[in-house]
Amino acid sequence: MIIKQGTEDGRINPGSSSWPPTTGSVYTSQTRLILGEATLYSGTYYLSRSYFRFNTSSIPASAIITGVKLWFKLSNKINVDSFNIQIQVYRANGDWYPLDSGDWGCGDTLVGTKNYADLPAVDQWFSIDLTPSCINKGGITAFETRGNHESGTAPTGLNTVEVYSADSSGNEPYLEISYILPGAMLLMFLG
Protein backbone atom coordinates (compact mmCIF):
# COMPACT_ATOMS: atom_id res chain seq x y z
CA MET A 1 0.00 0.00 0.00
CA ILE A 2 1.28 3.46 -0.93
CA ILE A 3 0.23 6.50 1.12
CA LYS A 4 1.35 9.89 -0.16
CA GLN A 5 2.28 12.73 2.13
CA GLY A 6 -0.26 15.55 2.34
CA THR A 7 0.88 19.16 2.05
CA GLU A 8 0.89 19.52 5.86
CA ASP A 9 4.64 18.88 6.04
CA GLY A 10 7.02 21.52 7.34
CA ARG A 11 10.35 22.43 8.90
CA ILE A 12 11.58 24.13 12.06
CA ASN A 13 14.90 25.93 11.54
CA PRO A 14 16.69 27.36 14.61
CA GLY A 15 19.47 29.87 13.90
CA SER A 16 21.86 31.66 16.25
CA SER A 17 25.32 33.19 16.51
CA SER A 18 26.17 30.51 19.12
CA TRP A 19 26.26 26.73 18.75
CA PRO A 20 23.92 24.94 19.02
CA PRO A 21 21.01 27.26 18.16
CA THR A 22 17.85 26.82 20.23
CA THR A 23 15.07 28.98 18.75
CA GLY A 24 13.94 29.22 15.18
CA SER A 25 11.44 29.81 12.43
CA VAL A 26 8.68 27.54 11.12
CA TYR A 27 8.26 26.91 7.39
CA THR A 28 5.20 25.08 6.04
CA SER A 29 5.00 25.81 2.32
CA GLN A 30 8.44 25.23 0.86
CA THR A 31 9.15 22.83 -2.02
CA ARG A 32 12.16 21.40 -0.17
CA LEU A 33 12.67 20.21 3.39
CA ILE A 34 15.84 19.51 5.34
CA LEU A 35 15.94 16.09 7.02
CA GLY A 36 19.10 16.90 8.98
CA GLU A 37 21.37 19.92 9.20
CA ALA A 38 24.37 21.28 11.13
CA THR A 39 25.44 24.43 9.31
CA LEU A 40 27.41 27.65 9.71
CA TYR A 41 26.38 30.19 7.08
CA SER A 42 27.25 33.93 7.10
CA GLY A 43 28.12 33.84 10.81
CA THR A 44 24.91 32.06 11.87
CA TYR A 45 24.60 28.44 13.03
CA TYR A 46 21.57 26.47 11.83
CA LEU A 47 19.82 23.22 12.64
CA SER A 48 16.72 21.86 10.89
CA ARG A 49 14.13 19.25 11.63
CA SER A 50 11.33 18.30 9.27
CA TYR A 51 7.84 17.02 9.99
CA PHE A 52 5.69 14.64 7.98
CA ARG A 53 2.22 13.17 8.48
CA PHE A 54 0.33 10.44 6.69
CA ASN A 55 -3.30 9.35 6.90
CA THR A 56 -2.94 5.64 7.67
CA SER A 57 -6.56 5.10 8.74
CA SER A 58 -7.27 2.90 5.69
CA ILE A 59 -5.12 0.10 7.11
CA PRO A 60 -7.45 -2.45 8.74
CA ALA A 61 -7.19 -2.66 12.52
CA SER A 62 -6.55 -6.42 12.28
CA ALA A 63 -3.69 -6.00 9.78
CA ILE A 64 -0.27 -7.33 10.71
CA ILE A 65 2.22 -4.82 9.32
CA THR A 66 5.26 -6.62 7.91
CA GLY A 67 7.25 -3.75 6.43
CA VAL A 68 7.38 0.05 6.23
CA LYS A 69 9.50 2.25 3.99
CA LEU A 70 9.50 6.06 4.02
CA TRP A 71 10.42 7.34 0.54
CA PHE A 72 12.01 10.68 -0.37
CA LYS A 73 13.46 12.25 -3.49
CA LEU A 74 16.85 13.80 -2.71
CA SER A 75 17.18 17.45 -3.75
CA ASN A 76 20.63 18.21 -2.27
CA LYS A 77 23.33 16.90 0.05
CA ILE A 78 26.33 18.85 1.32
CA ASN A 79 29.01 17.54 3.68
CA VAL A 80 31.61 20.34 4.11
CA ASP A 81 32.73 19.25 7.60
CA SER A 82 32.62 15.50 6.87
CA PHE A 83 30.00 15.09 9.60
CA ASN A 84 28.32 12.40 7.44
CA ILE A 85 24.98 13.34 8.99
CA GLN A 86 22.83 10.33 9.76
CA ILE A 87 19.14 10.97 9.16
CA GLN A 88 17.05 9.86 12.13
CA VAL A 89 13.29 9.36 11.89
CA TYR A 90 11.28 9.60 15.09
CA ARG A 91 7.62 8.76 15.49
CA ALA A 92 5.86 11.85 16.77
CA ASN A 93 4.14 11.65 20.13
CA GLY A 94 0.68 12.40 18.73
CA ASP A 95 -0.20 14.55 15.74
CA TRP A 96 1.77 17.80 15.60
CA TYR A 97 -0.49 19.45 12.97
CA PRO A 98 -0.59 22.44 12.55
CA LEU A 99 3.17 22.83 12.91
CA ASP A 100 4.53 25.45 15.33
CA SER A 101 7.84 26.03 17.11
CA GLY A 102 6.59 24.12 20.18
CA ASP A 103 6.64 20.91 18.11
CA TRP A 104 10.47 20.79 18.19
CA GLY A 105 11.23 17.50 19.93
CA CYS A 106 7.77 15.93 19.48
CA GLY A 107 9.42 12.81 18.04
CA ASP A 108 10.03 10.54 21.00
CA THR A 109 10.65 7.10 19.50
CA LEU A 110 13.47 6.40 17.03
CA VAL A 111 11.99 4.22 14.24
CA GLY A 112 14.56 4.40 11.42
CA THR A 113 17.91 5.78 10.23
CA LYS A 114 19.77 6.40 6.98
CA ASN A 115 23.52 7.01 6.79
CA TYR A 116 24.89 9.84 4.66
CA ALA A 117 27.11 7.40 2.76
CA ASP A 118 24.03 5.43 1.68
CA LEU A 119 22.24 8.40 0.09
CA PRO A 120 21.85 8.33 -3.71
CA ALA A 121 22.76 11.01 -6.23
CA VAL A 122 20.71 14.22 -6.29
CA ASP A 123 17.23 13.85 -7.85
CA GLN A 124 17.09 10.11 -7.08
CA TRP A 125 14.59 8.39 -4.79
CA PHE A 126 15.67 6.62 -1.60
CA SER A 127 13.89 4.89 1.25
CA ILE A 128 14.36 4.58 4.98
CA ASP A 129 13.19 1.32 6.57
CA LEU A 130 10.97 2.01 9.56
CA THR A 131 9.88 -0.15 12.48
CA PRO A 132 6.47 -1.66 11.53
CA SER A 133 4.99 -0.85 14.96
CA CYS A 134 5.36 2.91 14.24
CA ILE A 135 2.22 2.93 12.06
CA ASN A 136 -1.03 4.15 13.62
CA LYS A 137 -3.72 2.00 12.02
CA GLY A 138 -6.39 4.22 13.55
CA GLY A 139 -5.60 7.56 11.91
CA ILE A 140 -2.60 9.81 11.42
CA THR A 141 1.01 8.61 11.57
CA ALA A 142 3.37 11.55 12.09
CA PHE A 143 7.17 11.80 12.06
CA GLU A 144 9.95 14.21 13.00
CA THR A 145 13.34 13.89 11.25
CA ARG A 146 16.64 15.18 12.56
CA GLY A 147 20.34 14.78 11.98
CA ASN A 148 22.64 13.06 14.45
CA HIS A 149 24.91 16.11 14.76
CA GLU A 150 22.82 18.59 16.75
CA SER A 151 25.48 19.06 19.43
CA GLY A 152 29.19 18.43 19.75
CA THR A 153 31.64 20.02 17.31
CA ALA A 154 30.36 23.27 15.83
CA PRO A 155 30.13 23.28 12.02
CA THR A 156 32.36 25.48 9.85
CA GLY A 157 30.24 25.25 6.69
CA LEU A 158 27.18 23.63 5.14
CA ASN A 159 26.21 20.11 6.23
CA THR A 160 22.70 19.24 5.11
CA VAL A 161 20.42 16.62 3.58
CA GLU A 162 17.51 18.12 1.62
CA VAL A 163 14.51 16.39 0.04
CA TYR A 164 11.54 17.53 -2.00
CA SER A 165 8.38 18.23 -0.01
CA ALA A 166 4.73 17.54 -0.75
CA ASP A 167 4.61 21.07 -2.22
CA SER A 168 6.77 19.78 -5.11
CA SER A 169 4.26 18.03 -7.37
CA GLY A 170 5.41 14.59 -8.49
CA ASN A 171 8.12 14.46 -5.81
CA GLU A 172 5.95 14.01 -2.71
CA PRO A 173 7.30 11.84 0.12
CA TYR A 174 5.32 8.64 0.62
CA LEU A 175 4.97 5.61 2.85
CA GLU A 176 5.13 2.09 1.42
CA ILE A 177 3.41 -0.27 3.85
CA SER A 178 3.20 -4.06 3.53
CA TYR A 179 0.72 -5.98 5.65
CA ILE A 180 -1.23 -9.21 5.84
CA LEU A 181 -4.68 -9.90 7.22
CA PRO A 182 -5.04 -12.84 9.63
CA GLY A 183 -8.08 -14.24 7.77
CA ALA A 184 -6.25 -14.09 4.46
CA MET A 185 -3.42 -16.14 5.97
CA LEU A 186 -5.88 -18.84 7.01
CA LEU A 187 -7.32 -18.98 3.48
CA MET A 188 -3.83 -19.40 2.05
CA PHE A 189 -3.22 -22.45 4.25
CA LEU A 190 -6.65 -24.01 3.64
CA GLY A 191 -6.74 -23.28 -0.12
C-alpha atoms as a PDB file:
ATOM      1  CA  MET A   1       0.000   0.000   0.000  1.00  0.00           C
ATOM      2  CA  ILE A   2       1.281   3.457  -0.932  1.00  0.00           C
ATOM      3  CA  ILE A   3       0.232   6.499   1.121  1.00  0.00           C
ATOM      4  CA  LYS A   4       1.347   9.887  -0.165  1.00  0.00           C
ATOM      5  CA  GLN A   5       2.282  12.731   2.126  1.00  0.00           C
ATOM      6  CA  GLY A   6      -0.263  15.552   2.339  1.00  0.00           C
ATOM      7  CA  THR A   7       0.876  19.165   2.052  1.00  0.00           C
ATOM      8  CA  GLU A   8       0.890  19.517   5.859  1.00  0.00           C
ATOM      9  CA  ASP A   9       4.636  18.879   6.042  1.00  0.00           C
ATOM     10  CA  GLY A  10       7.018  21.517   7.344  1.00  0.00           C
ATOM     11  CA  ARG A  11      10.345  22.426   8.899  1.00  0.00           C
ATOM     12  CA  ILE A  12      11.579  24.126  12.058  1.00  0.00           C
ATOM     13  CA  ASN A  13      14.900  25.928  11.537  1.00  0.00           C
ATOM     14  CA  PRO A  14      16.689  27.363  14.610  1.00  0.00           C
ATOM     15  CA  GLY A  15      19.471  29.868  13.901  1.00  0.00           C
ATOM     16  CA  SER A  16      21.861  31.665  16.247  1.00  0.00           C
ATOM     17  CA  SER A  17      25.325  33.188  16.505  1.00  0.00           C
ATOM     18  CA  SER A  18      26.172  30.514  19.116  1.00  0.00           C
ATOM     19  CA  TRP A  19      26.261  26.730  18.749  1.00  0.00           C
ATOM     20  CA  PRO A  20      23.917  24.944  19.017  1.00  0.00           C
ATOM     21  CA  PRO A  21      21.007  27.262  18.158  1.00  0.00           C
ATOM     22  CA  THR A  22      17.849  26.818  20.225  1.00  0.00           C
ATOM     23  CA  THR A  23      15.073  28.984  18.745  1.00  0.00           C
ATOM     24  CA  GLY A  24      13.939  29.224  15.180  1.00  0.00           C
ATOM     25  CA  SER A  25      11.440  29.814  12.432  1.00  0.00           C
ATOM     26  CA  VAL A  26       8.685  27.544  11.123  1.00  0.00           C
ATOM     27  CA  TYR A  27       8.255  26.913   7.386  1.00  0.00           C
ATOM     28  CA  THR A  28       5.198  25.083   6.044  1.00  0.00           C
ATOM     29  CA  SER A  29       4.997  25.809   2.323  1.00  0.00           C
ATOM     30  CA  GLN A  30       8.440  25.225   0.859  1.00  0.00           C
ATOM     31  CA  THR A  31       9.145  22.830  -2.015  1.00  0.00           C
ATOM     32  CA  ARG A  32      12.160  21.396  -0.166  1.00  0.00           C
ATOM     33  CA  LEU A  33      12.673  20.212   3.391  1.00  0.00           C
ATOM     34  CA  ILE A  34      15.837  19.510   5.344  1.00  0.00           C
ATOM     35  CA  LEU A  35      15.941  16.093   7.024  1.00  0.00           C
ATOM     36  CA  GLY A  36      19.095  16.905   8.980  1.00  0.00           C
ATOM     37  CA  GLU A  37      21.369  19.918   9.204  1.00  0.00           C
ATOM     38  CA  ALA A  38      24.368  21.277  11.133  1.00  0.00           C
ATOM     39  CA  THR A  39      25.444  24.433   9.308  1.00  0.00           C
ATOM     40  CA  LEU A  40      27.406  27.655   9.712  1.00  0.00           C
ATOM     41  CA  TYR A  41      26.383  30.192   7.075  1.00  0.00           C
ATOM     42  CA  SER A  42      27.247  33.926   7.098  1.00  0.00           C
ATOM     43  CA  GLY A  43      28.117  33.845  10.809  1.00  0.00           C
ATOM     44  CA  THR A  44      24.906  32.056  11.868  1.00  0.00           C
ATOM     45  CA  TYR A  45      24.603  28.438  13.029  1.00  0.00           C
ATOM     46  CA  TYR A  46      21.572  26.473  11.835  1.00  0.00           C
ATOM     47  CA  LEU A  47      19.822  23.216  12.635  1.00  0.00           C
ATOM     48  CA  SER A  48      16.724  21.858  10.888  1.00  0.00           C
ATOM     49  CA  ARG A  49      14.126  19.251  11.633  1.00  0.00           C
ATOM     50  CA  SER A  50      11.331  18.301   9.270  1.00  0.00           C
ATOM     51  CA  TYR A  51       7.841  17.023   9.991  1.00  0.00           C
ATOM     52  CA  PHE A  52       5.686  14.635   7.978  1.00  0.00           C
ATOM     53  CA  ARG A  53       2.222  13.171   8.483  1.00  0.00           C
ATOM     54  CA  PHE A  54       0.327  10.435   6.689  1.00  0.00           C
ATOM     55  CA  ASN A  55      -3.304   9.353   6.903  1.00  0.00           C
ATOM     56  CA  THR A  56      -2.936   5.644   7.673  1.00  0.00           C
ATOM     57  CA  SER A  57      -6.556   5.097   8.742  1.00  0.00           C
ATOM     58  CA  SER A  58      -7.274   2.901   5.686  1.00  0.00           C
ATOM     59  CA  ILE A  59      -5.125   0.101   7.112  1.00  0.00           C
ATOM     60  CA  PRO A  60      -7.452  -2.445   8.738  1.00  0.00           C
ATOM     61  CA  ALA A  61      -7.192  -2.664  12.523  1.00  0.00           C
ATOM     62  CA  SER A  62      -6.547  -6.421  12.284  1.00  0.00           C
ATOM     63  CA  ALA A  63      -3.694  -6.005   9.783  1.00  0.00           C
ATOM     64  CA  ILE A  64      -0.267  -7.330  10.711  1.00  0.00           C
ATOM     65  CA  ILE A  65       2.219  -4.820   9.319  1.00  0.00           C
ATOM     66  CA  THR A  66       5.257  -6.621   7.911  1.00  0.00           C
ATOM     67  CA  GLY A  67       7.251  -3.751   6.427  1.00  0.00           C
ATOM     68  CA  VAL A  68       7.375   0.049   6.229  1.00  0.00           C
ATOM     69  CA  LYS A  69       9.504   2.254   3.987  1.00  0.00           C
ATOM     70  CA  LEU A  70       9.499   6.061   4.018  1.00  0.00           C
ATOM     71  CA  TRP A  71      10.422   7.335   0.535  1.00  0.00           C
ATOM     72  CA  PHE A  72      12.013  10.681  -0.365  1.00  0.00           C
ATOM     73  CA  LYS A  73      13.464  12.249  -3.492  1.00  0.00           C
ATOM     74  CA  LEU A  74      16.849  13.804  -2.709  1.00  0.00           C
ATOM     75  CA  SER A  75      17.182  17.446  -3.753  1.00  0.00           C
ATOM     76  CA  ASN A  76      20.626  18.207  -2.275  1.00  0.00           C
ATOM     77  CA  LYS A  77      23.328  16.899   0.049  1.00  0.00           C
ATOM     78  CA  ILE A  78      26.326  18.847   1.317  1.00  0.00           C
ATOM     79  CA  ASN A  79      29.011  17.544   3.679  1.00  0.00           C
ATOM     80  CA  VAL A  80      31.607  20.337   4.108  1.00  0.00           C
ATOM     81  CA  ASP A  81      32.728  19.251   7.598  1.00  0.00           C
ATOM     82  CA  SER A  82      32.616  15.501   6.866  1.00  0.00           C
ATOM     83  CA  PHE A  83      30.000  15.088   9.601  1.00  0.00           C
ATOM     84  CA  ASN A  84      28.320  12.404   7.441  1.00  0.00           C
ATOM     85  CA  ILE A  85      24.985  13.340   8.992  1.00  0.00           C
ATOM     86  CA  GLN A  86      22.833  10.333   9.764  1.00  0.00           C
ATOM     87  CA  ILE A  87      19.142  10.973   9.161  1.00  0.00           C
ATOM     88  CA  GLN A  88      17.053   9.864  12.127  1.00  0.00           C
ATOM     89  CA  VAL A  89      13.289   9.356  11.886  1.00  0.00           C
ATOM     90  CA  TYR A  90      11.276   9.596  15.091  1.00  0.00           C
ATOM     91  CA  ARG A  91       7.618   8.761  15.494  1.00  0.00           C
ATOM     92  CA  ALA A  92       5.858  11.854  16.773  1.00  0.00           C
ATOM     93  CA  ASN A  93       4.142  11.653  20.134  1.00  0.00           C
ATOM     94  CA  GLY A  94       0.680  12.397  18.728  1.00  0.00           C
ATOM     95  CA  ASP A  95      -0.201  14.548  15.737  1.00  0.00           C
ATOM     96  CA  TRP A  96       1.769  17.799  15.599  1.00  0.00           C
ATOM     97  CA  TYR A  97      -0.488  19.446  12.975  1.00  0.00           C
ATOM     98  CA  PRO A  98      -0.590  22.437  12.552  1.00  0.00           C
ATOM     99  CA  LEU A  99       3.171  22.833  12.912  1.00  0.00           C
ATOM    100  CA  ASP A 100       4.533  25.454  15.329  1.00  0.00           C
ATOM    101  CA  SER A 101       7.845  26.032  17.114  1.00  0.00           C
ATOM    102  CA  GLY A 102       6.593  24.124  20.178  1.00  0.00           C
ATOM    103  CA  ASP A 103       6.639  20.911  18.114  1.00  0.00           C
ATOM    104  CA  TRP A 104      10.466  20.788  18.192  1.00  0.00           C
ATOM    105  CA  GLY A 105      11.230  17.497  19.934  1.00  0.00           C
ATOM    106  CA  CYS A 106       7.772  15.926  19.480  1.00  0.00           C
ATOM    107  CA  GLY A 107       9.418  12.808  18.040  1.00  0.00           C
ATOM    108  CA  ASP A 108      10.029  10.540  21.002  1.00  0.00           C
ATOM    109  CA  THR A 109      10.654   7.096  19.504  1.00  0.00           C
ATOM    110  CA  LEU A 110      13.470   6.399  17.026  1.00  0.00           C
ATOM    111  CA  VAL A 111      11.990   4.220  14.241  1.00  0.00           C
ATOM    112  CA  GLY A 112      14.565   4.395  11.420  1.00  0.00           C
ATOM    113  CA  THR A 113      17.913   5.784  10.234  1.00  0.00           C
ATOM    114  CA  LYS A 114      19.774   6.404   6.977  1.00  0.00           C
ATOM    115  CA  ASN A 115      23.525   7.011   6.795  1.00  0.00           C
ATOM    116  CA  TYR A 116      24.889   9.843   4.662  1.00  0.00           C
ATOM    117  CA  ALA A 117      27.114   7.403   2.757  1.00  0.00           C
ATOM    118  CA  ASP A 118      24.028   5.428   1.684  1.00  0.00           C
ATOM    119  CA  LEU A 119      22.243   8.397   0.088  1.00  0.00           C
ATOM    120  CA  PRO A 120      21.849   8.332  -3.712  1.00  0.00           C
ATOM    121  CA  ALA A 121      22.757  11.012  -6.230  1.00  0.00           C
ATOM    122  CA  VAL A 122      20.707  14.221  -6.291  1.00  0.00           C
ATOM    123  CA  ASP A 123      17.228  13.849  -7.845  1.00  0.00           C
ATOM    124  CA  GLN A 124      17.093  10.112  -7.076  1.00  0.00           C
ATOM    125  CA  TRP A 125      14.586   8.386  -4.787  1.00  0.00           C
ATOM    126  CA  PHE A 126      15.671   6.619  -1.596  1.00  0.00           C
ATOM    127  CA  SER A 127      13.891   4.892   1.254  1.00  0.00           C
ATOM    128  CA  ILE A 128      14.359   4.580   4.985  1.00  0.00           C
ATOM    129  CA  ASP A 129      13.194   1.317   6.569  1.00  0.00           C
ATOM    130  CA  LEU A 130      10.965   2.014   9.564  1.00  0.00           C
ATOM    131  CA  THR A 131       9.885  -0.150  12.480  1.00  0.00           C
ATOM    132  CA  PRO A 132       6.472  -1.655  11.531  1.00  0.00           C
ATOM    133  CA  SER A 133       4.986  -0.846  14.956  1.00  0.00           C
ATOM    134  CA  CYS A 134       5.360   2.909  14.244  1.00  0.00           C
ATOM    135  CA  ILE A 135       2.220   2.926  12.064  1.00  0.00           C
ATOM    136  CA  ASN A 136      -1.032   4.149  13.618  1.00  0.00           C
ATOM    137  CA  LYS A 137      -3.716   1.998  12.016  1.00  0.00           C
ATOM    138  CA  GLY A 138      -6.395   4.222  13.549  1.00  0.00           C
ATOM    139  CA  GLY A 139      -5.602   7.557  11.915  1.00  0.00           C
ATOM    140  CA  ILE A 140      -2.595   9.807  11.421  1.00  0.00           C
ATOM    141  CA  THR A 141       1.014   8.609  11.570  1.00  0.00           C
ATOM    142  CA  ALA A 142       3.371  11.550  12.089  1.00  0.00           C
ATOM    143  CA  PHE A 143       7.170  11.803  12.057  1.00  0.00           C
ATOM    144  CA  GLU A 144       9.952  14.207  13.000  1.00  0.00           C
ATOM    145  CA  THR A 145      13.338  13.894  11.251  1.00  0.00           C
ATOM    146  CA  ARG A 146      16.640  15.175  12.557  1.00  0.00           C
ATOM    147  CA  GLY A 147      20.343  14.776  11.981  1.00  0.00           C
ATOM    148  CA  ASN A 148      22.643  13.059  14.450  1.00  0.00           C
ATOM    149  CA  HIS A 149      24.915  16.114  14.759  1.00  0.00           C
ATOM    150  CA  GLU A 150      22.824  18.586  16.746  1.00  0.00           C
ATOM    151  CA  SER A 151      25.481  19.064  19.430  1.00  0.00           C
ATOM    152  CA  GLY A 152      29.194  18.434  19.747  1.00  0.00           C
ATOM    153  CA  THR A 153      31.644  20.025  17.311  1.00  0.00           C
ATOM    154  CA  ALA A 154      30.365  23.272  15.830  1.00  0.00           C
ATOM    155  CA  PRO A 155      30.127  23.275  12.021  1.00  0.00           C
ATOM    156  CA  THR A 156      32.359  25.478   9.855  1.00  0.00           C
ATOM    157  CA  GLY A 157      30.236  25.255   6.687  1.00  0.00           C
ATOM    158  CA  LEU A 158      27.176  23.632   5.139  1.00  0.00           C
ATOM    159  CA  ASN A 159      26.207  20.107   6.234  1.00  0.00           C
ATOM    160  CA  THR A 160      22.705  19.236   5.110  1.00  0.00           C
ATOM    161  CA  VAL A 161      20.416  16.620   3.577  1.00  0.00           C
ATOM    162  CA  GLU A 162      17.506  18.116   1.619  1.00  0.00           C
ATOM    163  CA  VAL A 163      14.509  16.390   0.038  1.00  0.00           C
ATOM    164  CA  TYR A 164      11.535  17.526  -1.998  1.00  0.00           C
ATOM    165  CA  SER A 165       8.383  18.234  -0.008  1.00  0.00           C
ATOM    166  CA  ALA A 166       4.730  17.543  -0.749  1.00  0.00           C
ATOM    167  CA  ASP A 167       4.613  21.065  -2.222  1.00  0.00           C
ATOM    168  CA  SER A 168       6.766  19.780  -5.115  1.00  0.00           C
ATOM    169  CA  SER A 169       4.261  18.035  -7.373  1.00  0.00           C
ATOM    170  CA  GLY A 170       5.413  14.589  -8.492  1.00  0.00           C
ATOM    171  CA  ASN A 171       8.115  14.459  -5.810  1.00  0.00           C
ATOM    172  CA  GLU A 172       5.949  14.007  -2.710  1.00  0.00           C
ATOM    173  CA  PRO A 173       7.303  11.840   0.116  1.00  0.00           C
ATOM    174  CA  TYR A 174       5.315   8.641   0.618  1.00  0.00           C
ATOM    175  CA  LEU A 175       4.970   5.606   2.850  1.00  0.00           C
ATOM    176  CA  GLU A 176       5.125   2.091   1.418  1.00  0.00           C
ATOM    177  CA  ILE A 177       3.408  -0.275   3.848  1.00  0.00           C
ATOM    178  CA  SER A 178       3.201  -4.057   3.531  1.00  0.00           C
ATOM    179  CA  TYR A 179       0.719  -5.981   5.645  1.00  0.00           C
ATOM    180  CA  ILE A 180      -1.232  -9.209   5.841  1.00  0.00           C
ATOM    181  CA  LEU A 181      -4.680  -9.900   7.217  1.00  0.00           C
ATOM    182  CA  PRO A 182      -5.037 -12.838   9.634  1.00  0.00           C
ATOM    183  CA  GLY A 183      -8.080 -14.237   7.773  1.00  0.00           C
ATOM    184  CA  ALA A 184      -6.251 -14.089   4.462  1.00  0.00           C
ATOM    185  CA  MET A 185      -3.415 -16.141   5.970  1.00  0.00           C
ATOM    186  CA  LEU A 186      -5.875 -18.840   7.008  1.00  0.00           C
ATOM    187  CA  LEU A 187      -7.324 -18.983   3.480  1.00  0.00           C
ATOM    188  CA  MET A 188      -3.833 -19.401   2.052  1.00  0.00           C
ATOM    189  CA  PHE A 189      -3.223 -22.452   4.246  1.00  0.00           C
ATOM    190  CA  LEU A 190      -6.653 -24.012   3.640  1.00  0.00           C
ATOM    191  CA  GLY A 191      -6.744 -23.281  -0.117  1.00  0.00           C
END
